Structures are given as structure tokens and as C-alpha cells.
Amino acid sequence: MNTISRRSFMKTTAAAAALAGAGISKLAAKPLKMPIGLQLYSVRELLPKDFDGTLAKLRAAGYTEVEAAGYYKRTPAEFRKAMDKAGLRCISTHHSLADLRAQGDELIDYGHKLGVSYIVCPWPMPRDPAGTFPLKLDDWRWVAEELNKIGEKVKAAGMSFGYHNHDMEFTPEGGVVIFDELLRLTDPKLVCFEMDCGLVAMAGRNPVDYLSKMPERFPLMHVKAVVKGADGKFHDTNLGRGVPDYQPVLRAATALKHYFIEQEDFDMDPIEALRLDVEYMRKLDV
């Protein structure tokens, strides 16, 4: 999964500053009172081996909400039953733009039966099926049009539709930042955004810049920490061991409804690492 994030605040007189401070504290406390979610891509290697057992371990680790990344050959009823058994709620699900264009009605119907609130597109595609990455600006503008069309269908089915960023959306072309263009061209009534804060940081950007300017566009968030390794490349790490700093990010995410921890790389047992991520979020002072 790939790239982007949220944040920021103010002052005036002593009395106004005190009031603003109280307001910030109130908003800042909100994210930590929210259920702790997990993007199930984090345990993609464990679920095929022991689906029910892995879900039970996640619940024991402190997770209560999840975001799906594949259904592991289960029907909506079977998937939902497994979630209920584990004490988890599936809030959101991921499908690439190619899949949504090819079988959108089927995937929307699955999500509706599963009971998710959000369907999110985590990966775009070139306008020309024979095209390649990186996408050109015209491709991204076409992607925005497609997102609006799909968002309309998802909304009609009683759910919300979103787009999940990677780092590539922050590369400018001709002075235009792709992510800014996606925000501009997508209809706020049809398309929201799920900011992957780790990928935004990987792109050298600050999630707070976007979150503070238009928090209402970001009801969803991926909480991910990245660190540059000895190989010069960024890798996922446990929360608190990399960037970004989630204190200002969560303070800026005033319209946040759900967040999902996502960790793709591990240097310890994955379930233990994900438990430590929960511990970090519970102790985070915002």
C-alpha cells in the first residue's frame, strides 16, 4: 500500500490562547478514544494458514476493527461470521481500480453484504491498458474521473468510497502535485481519502499539511511508521521507531472516523509487533 497524510493550529490573546488550547486538547483526545483498527494486509501471510486463529490473536492483541485486503475465498456471510466470532468489525475493504472497473457491481454487492462502511481504491491504473507506471498527469486526471464514477455507484449502495495514496502521488509533473490534482478533481460528495501517513512521510511530505487544510476529506487513515534502512530504502517498522510523528498528525485529523494500523515488514513475531503497535497508540499523548 502506498503514500500520503494530515495536521495543525493557532493563537491570539491570552484568553483566546487558553480557549484554543482547551479545544485542541479535546480534539486531540478523540483519536485515542476511537477503536484501534488494523489493515489485514499486515497479516497476509498468516491468514491463509489459519484464518480464524489469526483473527482471534488480533482481537487478543487489542484490535477491534479491521480493513480487508482480500476475502480468502470466503463468501460475505462466511467472512462476516468469522469477524463476528473473533469480536472484530470489518469497517472497510480495498480493491484496485482495475478490479473495480472490471467487476465493480460484484465487489460493491460483496461489500454491502459484508456490512462495510467504506470501499477504498488502493491502486490506480493507466488509462491505456497497455500503459505503464509511473502514470502521467493525464492518466491521473482520468483516474479522478473513474473514482467519481465508482464513488457514485458506491454511494447509491449505501457506502462511502475512498482513495488510498502511495508516495507516487506526491511527485509533481509540470509543477502540479498529483495528489493535489486528485483532491481538486474528485467530488467530495463521492470520493473521500484514506491517508497513508507513512507513505506520505516516505515521499518527503508532512501529512499535517493536508489534514490541517482540508480535514473533512480524510475520514480514514493508515497509521504506519517507516524508517530508512542500511540499503537506503524505506521499510515499515513498529510505531514509535520511525516517521511520521503521530502526535501532530492525530491532532490535525479532526474529521477522522477510523484509523487502521498497517505494518508490512517485521523484525519479530508479527502478532507481537502488532500488539506493540496497539500499546503505542494507547500510550500516545496527543
C-alpha atoms as a PDB file:
ATOM      1  CA  MET A   1       0.000   0.000   0.000  1.00  0.00           C
ATOM      2  CA  ASN A   2       1.400   3.401  -0.808  1.00  0.00           C
ATOM      3  CA  THR A   3       1.727   7.208   0.096  1.00  0.00           C
ATOM      4  CA  ILE A   4       0.151  10.327   1.996  1.00  0.00           C
ATOM      5  CA  SER A   5      -1.165  12.164   5.415  1.00  0.00           C
ATOM      6  CA  ARG A   6      -2.700  15.042   7.948  1.00  0.00           C
ATOM      7  CA  ARG A   7      -2.427  18.192  10.712  1.00  0.00           C
ATOM      8  CA  SER A   8      -2.055  21.894  12.558  1.00  0.00           C
ATOM      9  CA  PHE A   9      -3.175  25.068  14.745  1.00  0.00           C
ATOM     10  CA  MET A  10      -3.224  28.744  16.261  1.00  0.00           C
ATOM     11  CA  LYS A  11      -3.322  31.682  18.894  1.00  0.00           C
ATOM     12  CA  THR A  12      -4.214  35.344  19.693  1.00  0.00           C
ATOM     13  CA  THR A  13      -4.776  36.866  23.171  1.00  0.00           C
ATOM     14  CA  ALA A  14      -4.062  35.058  26.427  1.00  0.00           C
ATOM     15  CA  ALA A  15      -7.739  34.248  26.877  1.00  0.00           C
ATOM     16  CA  ALA A  16      -8.125  33.104  23.282  1.00  0.00           C
ATOM     17  CA  ALA A  17      -4.996  31.017  23.549  1.00  0.00           C
ATOM     18  CA  ALA A  18      -6.327  29.281  26.640  1.00  0.00           C
ATOM     19  CA  LEU A  19      -9.566  28.560  24.843  1.00  0.00           C
ATOM     20  CA  ALA A  20      -7.758  27.294  21.755  1.00  0.00           C
ATOM     21  CA  GLY A  21      -5.588  25.088  23.939  1.00  0.00           C
ATOM     22  CA  ALA A  22      -8.642  23.566  25.543  1.00  0.00           C
ATOM     23  CA  GLY A  23     -10.159  22.972  22.132  1.00  0.00           C
ATOM     24  CA  ILE A  24      -7.031  21.278  20.852  1.00  0.00           C
ATOM     25  CA  SER A  25      -6.866  19.009  23.889  1.00  0.00           C
ATOM     26  CA  LYS A  26     -10.431  17.970  23.331  1.00  0.00           C
ATOM     27  CA  LEU A  27      -9.847  17.209  19.664  1.00  0.00           C
ATOM     28  CA  ALA A  28      -6.525  15.567  20.349  1.00  0.00           C
ATOM     29  CA  ALA A  29      -8.061  13.110  22.783  1.00  0.00           C
ATOM     30  CA  LYS A  30     -10.611  11.975  20.238  1.00  0.00           C
ATOM     31  CA  PRO A  31      -8.441   9.715  18.037  1.00  0.00           C
ATOM     32  CA  LEU A  32      -7.204   7.677  21.010  1.00  0.00           C
ATOM     33  CA  LYS A  33     -10.754   7.064  22.160  1.00  0.00           C
ATOM     34  CA  MET A  34     -11.544   5.523  18.802  1.00  0.00           C
ATOM     35  CA  PRO A  35     -11.400   1.752  18.260  1.00  0.00           C
ATOM     36  CA  ILE A  36      -7.972   0.550  17.153  1.00  0.00           C
ATOM     37  CA  GLY A  37      -8.090  -0.874  13.650  1.00  0.00           C
ATOM     38  CA  LEU A  38      -5.762  -2.988  11.523  1.00  0.00           C
ATOM     39  CA  GLN A  39      -5.332  -3.265   7.774  1.00  0.00           C
ATOM     40  CA  LEU A  40      -5.385  -7.043   7.311  1.00  0.00           C
ATOM     41  CA  TYR A  41      -2.685  -6.831   4.641  1.00  0.00           C
ATOM     42  CA  SER A  42      -0.379  -6.728   7.670  1.00  0.00           C
ATOM     43  CA  VAL A  43      -1.119 -10.420   8.304  1.00  0.00           C
ATOM     44  CA  ARG A  44      -1.496 -11.539   4.697  1.00  0.00           C
ATOM     45  CA  GLU A  45       0.963 -14.421   5.249  1.00  0.00           C
ATOM     46  CA  LEU A  46      -0.805 -15.664   8.383  1.00  0.00           C
ATOM     47  CA  LEU A  47      -4.452 -15.559   7.310  1.00  0.00           C
ATOM     48  CA  PRO A  48      -4.211 -18.254   4.593  1.00  0.00           C
ATOM     49  CA  LYS A  49      -2.650 -20.648   7.122  1.00  0.00           C
ATOM     50  CA  ASP A  50      -5.054 -20.039  10.000  1.00  0.00           C
ATOM     51  CA  PHE A  51      -7.776 -17.534   9.224  1.00  0.00           C
ATOM     52  CA  ASP A  52      -9.888 -17.855  12.373  1.00  0.00           C
ATOM     53  CA  GLY A  53      -6.906 -18.309  14.669  1.00  0.00           C
ATOM     54  CA  THR A  54      -5.148 -15.220  13.318  1.00  0.00           C
ATOM     55  CA  LEU A  55      -8.267 -13.094  13.754  1.00  0.00           C
ATOM     56  CA  ALA A  56      -8.578 -14.305  17.353  1.00  0.00           C
ATOM     57  CA  LYS A  57      -4.950 -13.345  18.038  1.00  0.00           C
ATOM     58  CA  LEU A  58      -5.542  -9.868  16.601  1.00  0.00           C
ATOM     59  CA  ARG A  59      -8.518  -9.379  18.891  1.00  0.00           C
ATOM     60  CA  ALA A  60      -6.433 -10.531  21.859  1.00  0.00           C
ATOM     61  CA  ALA A  61      -3.728  -8.047  20.814  1.00  0.00           C
ATOM     62  CA  GLY A  62      -6.232  -5.203  21.182  1.00  0.00           C
ATOM     63  CA  TYR A  63      -7.751  -4.688  17.726  1.00  0.00           C
ATOM     64  CA  THR A  64     -11.497  -4.300  17.365  1.00  0.00           C
ATOM     65  CA  GLU A  65     -11.808  -3.040  13.775  1.00  0.00           C
ATOM     66  CA  VAL A  66     -10.207  -4.222  10.548  1.00  0.00           C
ATOM     67  CA  GLU A  67      -9.905  -3.286   6.908  1.00  0.00           C
ATOM     68  CA  ALA A  68      -9.983  -6.148   4.439  1.00  0.00           C
ATOM     69  CA  ALA A  69      -7.421  -6.724   1.673  1.00  0.00           C
ATOM     70  CA  GLY A  70      -8.828  -9.830   0.017  1.00  0.00           C
ATOM     71  CA  TYR A  71     -11.512 -12.276   1.160  1.00  0.00           C
ATOM     72  CA  TYR A  72      -9.573 -15.568   1.119  1.00  0.00           C
ATOM     73  CA  LYS A  73     -12.190 -17.428  -0.952  1.00  0.00           C
ATOM     74  CA  ARG A  74     -14.937 -16.747   1.585  1.00  0.00           C
ATOM     75  CA  THR A  75     -18.472 -15.617   0.857  1.00  0.00           C
ATOM     76  CA  PRO A  76     -19.677 -12.397   2.505  1.00  0.00           C
ATOM     77  CA  ALA A  77     -21.626 -14.470   5.034  1.00  0.00           C
ATOM     78  CA  GLU A  78     -18.586 -16.633   5.840  1.00  0.00           C
ATOM     79  CA  PHE A  79     -16.266 -13.642   6.124  1.00  0.00           C
ATOM     80  CA  ARG A  80     -18.695 -11.773   8.348  1.00  0.00           C
ATOM     81  CA  LYS A  81     -19.270 -14.849  10.538  1.00  0.00           C
ATOM     82  CA  ALA A  82     -15.511 -15.162  11.083  1.00  0.00           C
ATOM     83  CA  MET A  83     -15.332 -11.486  12.061  1.00  0.00           C
ATOM     84  CA  ASP A  84     -18.225 -11.838  14.489  1.00  0.00           C
ATOM     85  CA  LYS A  85     -16.669 -14.934  16.029  1.00  0.00           C
ATOM     86  CA  ALA A  86     -13.395 -13.086  16.622  1.00  0.00           C
ATOM     87  CA  GLY A  87     -15.137  -9.998  18.002  1.00  0.00           C
ATOM     88  CA  LEU A  88     -13.963  -7.818  15.130  1.00  0.00           C
ATOM     89  CA  ARG A  89     -15.821  -5.425  12.854  1.00  0.00           C
ATOM     90  CA  CYS A  90     -14.840  -5.034   9.210  1.00  0.00           C
ATOM     91  CA  ILE A  91     -15.209  -1.323   8.525  1.00  0.00           C
ATOM     92  CA  SER A  92     -13.562  -1.020   5.122  1.00  0.00           C
ATOM     93  CA  THR A  93     -12.210  -3.037   2.225  1.00  0.00           C
ATOM     94  CA  HIS A  94      -9.630  -2.475  -0.539  1.00  0.00           C
ATOM     95  CA  HIS A  95     -10.000  -3.100  -4.280  1.00  0.00           C
ATOM     96  CA  SER A  96      -7.738  -1.872  -7.083  1.00  0.00           C
ATOM     97  CA  LEU A  97      -9.105   0.429  -9.764  1.00  0.00           C
ATOM     98  CA  ALA A  98      -8.664  -2.315 -12.363  1.00  0.00           C
ATOM     99  CA  ASP A  99     -10.803  -4.708 -10.309  1.00  0.00           C
ATOM    100  CA  LEU A 100     -13.413  -2.054  -9.568  1.00  0.00           C
ATOM    101  CA  ARG A 101     -13.736  -1.246 -13.272  1.00  0.00           C
ATOM    102  CA  ALA A 102     -13.882  -4.912 -14.267  1.00  0.00           C
ATOM    103  CA  GLN A 103     -16.213  -6.220 -11.557  1.00  0.00           C
ATOM    104  CA  GLY A 104     -17.402  -3.181  -9.652  1.00  0.00           C
ATOM    105  CA  ASP A 105     -21.038  -4.271  -9.263  1.00  0.00           C
ATOM    106  CA  GLU A 106     -19.962  -7.620  -7.820  1.00  0.00           C
ATOM    107  CA  LEU A 107     -17.451  -6.069  -5.405  1.00  0.00           C
ATOM    108  CA  ILE A 108     -19.901  -3.387  -4.284  1.00  0.00           C
ATOM    109  CA  ASP A 109     -22.514  -6.072  -3.668  1.00  0.00           C
ATOM    110  CA  TYR A 110     -19.986  -8.107  -1.662  1.00  0.00           C
ATOM    111  CA  GLY A 111     -19.113  -5.077   0.464  1.00  0.00           C
ATOM    112  CA  HIS A 112     -22.764  -4.306   1.039  1.00  0.00           C
ATOM    113  CA  LYS A 113     -23.455  -7.868   2.192  1.00  0.00           C
ATOM    114  CA  LEU A 114     -20.352  -7.857   4.358  1.00  0.00           C
ATOM    115  CA  GLY A 115     -21.595  -4.689   6.027  1.00  0.00           C
ATOM    116  CA  VAL A 116     -18.599  -2.426   5.423  1.00  0.00           C
ATOM    117  CA  SER A 117     -18.961   1.342   5.579  1.00  0.00           C
ATOM    118  CA  TYR A 118     -16.172   2.100   3.090  1.00  0.00           C
ATOM    119  CA  ILE A 119     -14.824   0.686  -0.143  1.00  0.00           C
ATOM    120  CA  VAL A 120     -11.343   2.038  -0.854  1.00  0.00           C
ATOM    121  CA  CYS A 121      -9.241   2.001  -4.014  1.00  0.00           C
ATOM    122  CA  PRO A 122      -5.579   1.448  -3.036  1.00  0.00           C
ATOM    123  CA  TRP A 123      -4.059   1.300  -6.504  1.00  0.00           C
ATOM    124  CA  PRO A 124      -4.701   3.235  -9.753  1.00  0.00           C
ATOM    125  CA  MET A 125      -4.122   2.180 -13.355  1.00  0.00           C
ATOM    126  CA  PRO A 126      -3.092   3.854 -16.623  1.00  0.00           C
ATOM    127  CA  ARG A 127      -5.837   4.999 -18.960  1.00  0.00           C
ATOM    128  CA  ASP A 128      -4.380   2.816 -21.691  1.00  0.00           C
ATOM    129  CA  PRO A 129      -4.412  -0.848 -20.518  1.00  0.00           C
ATOM    130  CA  ALA A 130      -1.065  -1.224 -22.284  1.00  0.00           C
ATOM    131  CA  GLY A 131       0.338   1.760 -20.394  1.00  0.00           C
ATOM    132  CA  THR A 132       2.924   1.527 -17.640  1.00  0.00           C
ATOM    133  CA  PHE A 133       3.878   3.233 -14.390  1.00  0.00           C
ATOM    134  CA  PRO A 134       4.707   5.918 -13.471  1.00  0.00           C
ATOM    135  CA  LEU A 135       1.426   7.391 -14.622  1.00  0.00           C
ATOM    136  CA  LYS A 136       1.358  10.685 -16.483  1.00  0.00           C
ATOM    137  CA  LEU A 137      -0.713  13.664 -15.355  1.00  0.00           C
ATOM    138  CA  ASP A 138      -3.375  12.927 -17.989  1.00  0.00           C
ATOM    139  CA  ASP A 139      -3.621   9.384 -16.643  1.00  0.00           C
ATOM    140  CA  TRP A 140      -4.182  10.717 -13.130  1.00  0.00           C
ATOM    141  CA  ARG A 141      -6.893  13.075 -14.362  1.00  0.00           C
ATOM    142  CA  TRP A 142      -8.612  10.108 -15.963  1.00  0.00           C
ATOM    143  CA  VAL A 143      -8.209   8.194 -12.679  1.00  0.00           C
ATOM    144  CA  ALA A 144     -10.019  11.031 -10.879  1.00  0.00           C
ATOM    145  CA  GLU A 145     -12.919  10.751 -13.349  1.00  0.00           C
ATOM    146  CA  GLU A 146     -13.111   7.000 -12.764  1.00  0.00           C
ATOM    147  CA  LEU A 147     -13.066   7.476  -8.999  1.00  0.00           C
ATOM    148  CA  ASN A 148     -16.030   9.833  -9.261  1.00  0.00           C
ATOM    149  CA  LYS A 149     -17.975   7.305 -11.346  1.00  0.00           C
ATOM    150  CA  ILE A 150     -17.282   4.463  -8.930  1.00  0.00           C
ATOM    151  CA  GLY A 151     -17.976   6.712  -5.955  1.00  0.00           C
ATOM    152  CA  GLU A 152     -21.437   7.409  -7.323  1.00  0.00           C
ATOM    153  CA  LYS A 153     -22.206   3.678  -7.505  1.00  0.00           C
ATOM    154  CA  VAL A 154     -20.821   3.009  -4.037  1.00  0.00           C
ATOM    155  CA  LYS A 155     -22.847   5.882  -2.577  1.00  0.00           C
ATOM    156  CA  ALA A 156     -26.012   4.544  -4.219  1.00  0.00           C
ATOM    157  CA  ALA A 157     -25.334   1.235  -2.449  1.00  0.00           C
ATOM    158  CA  GLY A 158     -25.235   2.994   0.922  1.00  0.00           C
ATOM    159  CA  MET A 159     -21.468   3.073   1.463  1.00  0.00           C
ATOM    160  CA  SER A 160     -18.665   5.606   1.082  1.00  0.00           C
ATOM    161  CA  PHE A 161     -15.858   5.398  -1.453  1.00  0.00           C
ATOM    162  CA  GLY A 162     -12.274   6.451  -0.895  1.00  0.00           C
ATOM    163  CA  TYR A 163      -8.820   6.547  -2.416  1.00  0.00           C
ATOM    164  CA  HIS A 164      -5.668   5.417  -0.583  1.00  0.00           C
ATOM    165  CA  ASN A 165      -2.460   7.202  -1.520  1.00  0.00           C
ATOM    166  CA  HIS A 166       1.081   5.976  -2.088  1.00  0.00           C
ATOM    167  CA  ASP A 167       4.246   8.030  -2.318  1.00  0.00           C
ATOM    168  CA  MET A 168       3.982   8.390  -6.102  1.00  0.00           C
ATOM    169  CA  GLU A 169       1.057  10.814  -5.871  1.00  0.00           C
ATOM    170  CA  PHE A 170       3.356  13.417  -4.369  1.00  0.00           C
ATOM    171  CA  THR A 171       5.677  13.584  -7.338  1.00  0.00           C
ATOM    172  CA  PRO A 172       4.983  16.809  -9.261  1.00  0.00           C
ATOM    173  CA  GLU A 173       4.579  16.906 -13.012  1.00  0.00           C
ATOM    174  CA  GLY A 174       4.874  20.273 -14.703  1.00  0.00           C
ATOM    175  CA  GLY A 175       4.569  21.950 -11.319  1.00  0.00           C
ATOM    176  CA  VAL A 176       1.364  20.044 -10.480  1.00  0.00           C
ATOM    177  CA  VAL A 177       1.399  17.723  -7.458  1.00  0.00           C
ATOM    178  CA  ILE A 178      -0.628  14.655  -8.407  1.00  0.00           C
ATOM    179  CA  PHE A 179      -2.277  14.336  -5.009  1.00  0.00           C
ATOM    180  CA  ASP A 180      -3.404  17.955  -5.134  1.00  0.00           C
ATOM    181  CA  GLU A 181      -4.938  17.286  -8.538  1.00  0.00           C
ATOM    182  CA  LEU A 182      -6.801  14.231  -7.237  1.00  0.00           C
ATOM    183  CA  LEU A 183      -8.209  16.299  -4.384  1.00  0.00           C
ATOM    184  CA  ARG A 184      -9.239  19.013  -6.836  1.00  0.00           C
ATOM    185  CA  LEU A 185     -10.853  16.778  -9.429  1.00  0.00           C
ATOM    186  CA  THR A 186     -12.700  14.315  -7.196  1.00  0.00           C
ATOM    187  CA  ASP A 187     -16.148  15.227  -5.895  1.00  0.00           C
ATOM    188  CA  PRO A 188     -16.078  15.451  -2.060  1.00  0.00           C
ATOM    189  CA  LYS A 189     -19.618  14.043  -2.024  1.00  0.00           C
ATOM    190  CA  LEU A 190     -18.466  10.935  -3.867  1.00  0.00           C
ATOM    191  CA  VAL A 191     -14.793  10.387  -3.016  1.00  0.00           C
ATOM    192  CA  CYS A 192     -13.010  10.662   0.314  1.00  0.00           C
ATOM    193  CA  PHE A 193      -9.375   9.862   1.044  1.00  0.00           C
ATOM    194  CA  GLU A 194      -7.572   7.397   3.259  1.00  0.00           C
ATOM    195  CA  MET A 195      -4.220   8.931   4.045  1.00  0.00           C
ATOM    196  CA  ASP A 196      -1.342   6.523   4.445  1.00  0.00           C
ATOM    197  CA  CYS A 197       0.784   8.719   6.665  1.00  0.00           C
ATOM    198  CA  GLY A 198       3.873   6.540   6.410  1.00  0.00           C
ATOM    199  CA  LEU A 199       3.865   6.749   2.635  1.00  0.00           C
ATOM    200  CA  VAL A 200       3.339  10.482   2.754  1.00  0.00           C
ATOM    201  CA  ALA A 201       6.397  10.751   5.000  1.00  0.00           C
ATOM    202  CA  MET A 202       8.277   8.461   2.621  1.00  0.00           C
ATOM    203  CA  ALA A 203       7.569  10.969  -0.138  1.00  0.00           C
ATOM    204  CA  GLY A 204       9.173  13.686   1.975  1.00  0.00           C
ATOM    205  CA  ARG A 205       5.864  15.369   2.770  1.00  0.00           C
ATOM    206  CA  ASN A 206       4.094  16.149   6.025  1.00  0.00           C
ATOM    207  CA  PRO A 207       0.605  14.647   6.449  1.00  0.00           C
ATOM    208  CA  VAL A 208      -0.329  17.563   8.710  1.00  0.00           C
ATOM    209  CA  ASP A 209      -0.142  19.985   5.786  1.00  0.00           C
ATOM    210  CA  TYR A 210      -3.103  18.284   4.110  1.00  0.00           C
ATOM    211  CA  LEU A 211      -5.009  17.346   7.250  1.00  0.00           C
ATOM    212  CA  SER A 212      -4.966  20.882   8.595  1.00  0.00           C
ATOM    213  CA  LYS A 213      -6.128  22.434   5.310  1.00  0.00           C
ATOM    214  CA  MET A 214      -8.965  20.047   4.482  1.00  0.00           C
ATOM    215  CA  PRO A 215      -9.514  17.552   7.332  1.00  0.00           C
ATOM    216  CA  GLU A 216     -13.005  16.728   6.075  1.00  0.00           C
ATOM    217  CA  ARG A 217     -11.541  14.924   3.038  1.00  0.00           C
ATOM    218  CA  PHE A 218      -9.764  12.423   5.301  1.00  0.00           C
ATOM    219  CA  PRO A 219     -12.178  10.335   7.406  1.00  0.00           C
ATOM    220  CA  LEU A 220      -9.824   7.339   7.154  1.00  0.00           C
ATOM    221  CA  MET A 221      -6.139   6.930   7.919  1.00  0.00           C
ATOM    222  CA  HIS A 222      -3.404   4.338   7.728  1.00  0.00           C
ATOM    223  CA  VAL A 223      -1.139   4.612  10.734  1.00  0.00           C
ATOM    224  CA  LYS A 224       2.223   3.362   9.513  1.00  0.00           C
ATOM    225  CA  ALA A 225       5.804   4.111  10.546  1.00  0.00           C
ATOM    226  CA  VAL A 226       8.686   3.963   8.071  1.00  0.00           C
ATOM    227  CA  VAL A 227      12.443   4.132   8.522  1.00  0.00           C
ATOM    228  CA  LYS A 228      15.302   4.197   6.022  1.00  0.00           C
ATOM    229  CA  GLY A 229      17.379   1.027   6.193  1.00  0.00           C
ATOM    230  CA  ALA A 230      21.048   0.320   5.518  1.00  0.00           C
ATOM    231  CA  ASP A 231      20.064  -0.380   1.905  1.00  0.00           C
ATOM    232  CA  GLY A 232      18.934   3.238   1.544  1.00  0.00           C
ATOM    233  CA  LYS A 233      15.310   2.177   1.092  1.00  0.00           C
ATOM    234  CA  PHE A 234      12.361   2.830   3.373  1.00  0.00           C
ATOM    235  CA  HIS A 235      10.903  -0.054   5.347  1.00  0.00           C
ATOM    236  CA  ASP A 236       7.954  -0.384   7.695  1.00  0.00           C
ATOM    237  CA  THR A 237       8.782  -0.524  11.368  1.00  0.00           C
ATOM    238  CA  ASN A 238       6.954  -0.530  14.682  1.00  0.00           C
ATOM    239  CA  LEU A 239       5.134   2.650  15.627  1.00  0.00           C
ATOM    240  CA  GLY A 240       7.388   4.938  17.617  1.00  0.00           C
ATOM    241  CA  ARG A 241      10.517   3.765  15.797  1.00  0.00           C
ATOM    242  CA  GLY A 242      10.096   5.719  12.570  1.00  0.00           C
ATOM    243  CA  VAL A 243       8.298   8.633  10.921  1.00  0.00           C
ATOM    244  CA  PRO A 244       5.949  10.431  10.914  1.00  0.00           C
ATOM    245  CA  ASP A 245       5.350  11.803  14.393  1.00  0.00           C
ATOM    246  CA  TYR A 246       1.737  10.823  15.082  1.00  0.00           C
ATOM    247  CA  GLN A 247       1.106  13.352  17.821  1.00  0.00           C
ATOM    248  CA  PRO A 248       0.642  16.340  15.460  1.00  0.00           C
ATOM    249  CA  VAL A 249      -0.893  14.095  12.789  1.00  0.00           C
ATOM    250  CA  LEU A 250      -3.706  12.935  15.050  1.00  0.00           C
ATOM    251  CA  ARG A 251      -4.236  16.452  16.356  1.00  0.00           C
ATOM    252  CA  ALA A 252      -4.761  17.676  12.819  1.00  0.00           C
ATOM    253  CA  ALA A 253      -7.058  14.809  11.800  1.00  0.00           C
ATOM    254  CA  THR A 254     -10.142  16.427  13.294  1.00  0.00           C
ATOM    255  CA  ALA A 255     -12.586  14.661  10.930  1.00  0.00           C
ATOM    256  CA  LEU A 256     -11.048  11.213  11.399  1.00  0.00           C
ATOM    257  CA  LYS A 257     -13.597   8.415  11.825  1.00  0.00           C
ATOM    258  CA  HIS A 258     -11.457   5.277  11.610  1.00  0.00           C
ATOM    259  CA  TYR A 259      -7.746   4.533  11.527  1.00  0.00           C
ATOM    260  CA  PHE A 260      -6.007   1.300  10.628  1.00  0.00           C
ATOM    261  CA  ILE A 261      -2.523   0.391  11.720  1.00  0.00           C
ATOM    262  CA  GLU A 262      -0.557  -1.160   8.867  1.00  0.00           C
ATOM    263  CA  GLN A 263       2.840  -2.785   9.152  1.00  0.00           C
ATOM    264  CA  GLU A 264       4.240  -4.801   6.263  1.00  0.00           C
ATOM    265  CA  ASP A 265       7.797  -5.513   7.475  1.00  0.00           C
ATOM    266  CA  PHE A 266       8.673  -7.223  10.751  1.00  0.00           C
ATOM    267  CA  ASP A 267      11.862  -7.958  12.690  1.00  0.00           C
ATOM    268  CA  MET A 268       9.963 -10.002  15.310  1.00  0.00           C
ATOM    269  CA  ASP A 269       6.858 -12.174  15.521  1.00  0.00           C
ATOM    270  CA  PRO A 270       4.178 -10.267  13.544  1.00  0.00           C
ATOM    271  CA  ILE A 271       1.447 -10.659  16.145  1.00  0.00           C
ATOM    272  CA  GLU A 272       3.778  -9.438  18.903  1.00  0.00           C
ATOM    273  CA  ALA A 273       4.833  -6.492  16.737  1.00  0.00           C
ATOM    274  CA  LEU A 274       1.205  -5.593  16.074  1.00  0.00           C
ATOM    275  CA  ARG A 275       0.465  -5.872  19.805  1.00  0.00           C
ATOM    276  CA  LEU A 276       3.258  -3.376  20.465  1.00  0.00           C
ATOM    277  CA  ASP A 277       1.714  -1.061  17.879  1.00  0.00           C
ATOM    278  CA  VAL A 278      -1.544  -1.154  19.851  1.00  0.00           C
ATOM    279  CA  GLU A 279       0.383  -0.394  23.027  1.00  0.00           C
ATOM    280  CA  TYR A 280       1.994   2.598  21.336  1.00  0.00           C
ATOM    281  CA  MET A 281      -1.353   4.015  20.239  1.00  0.00           C
ATOM    282  CA  ARG A 282      -2.837   3.578  23.695  1.00  0.00           C
ATOM    283  CA  LYS A 283       0.052   5.473  25.286  1.00  0.00           C
ATOM    284  CA  LEU A 284       0.367   8.168  22.647  1.00  0.00           C
ATOM    285  CA  ASP A 285      -0.045  11.561  24.298  1.00  0.00           C
ATOM    286  CA  VAL A 286      -1.967  13.806  21.934  1.00  0.00           C
END
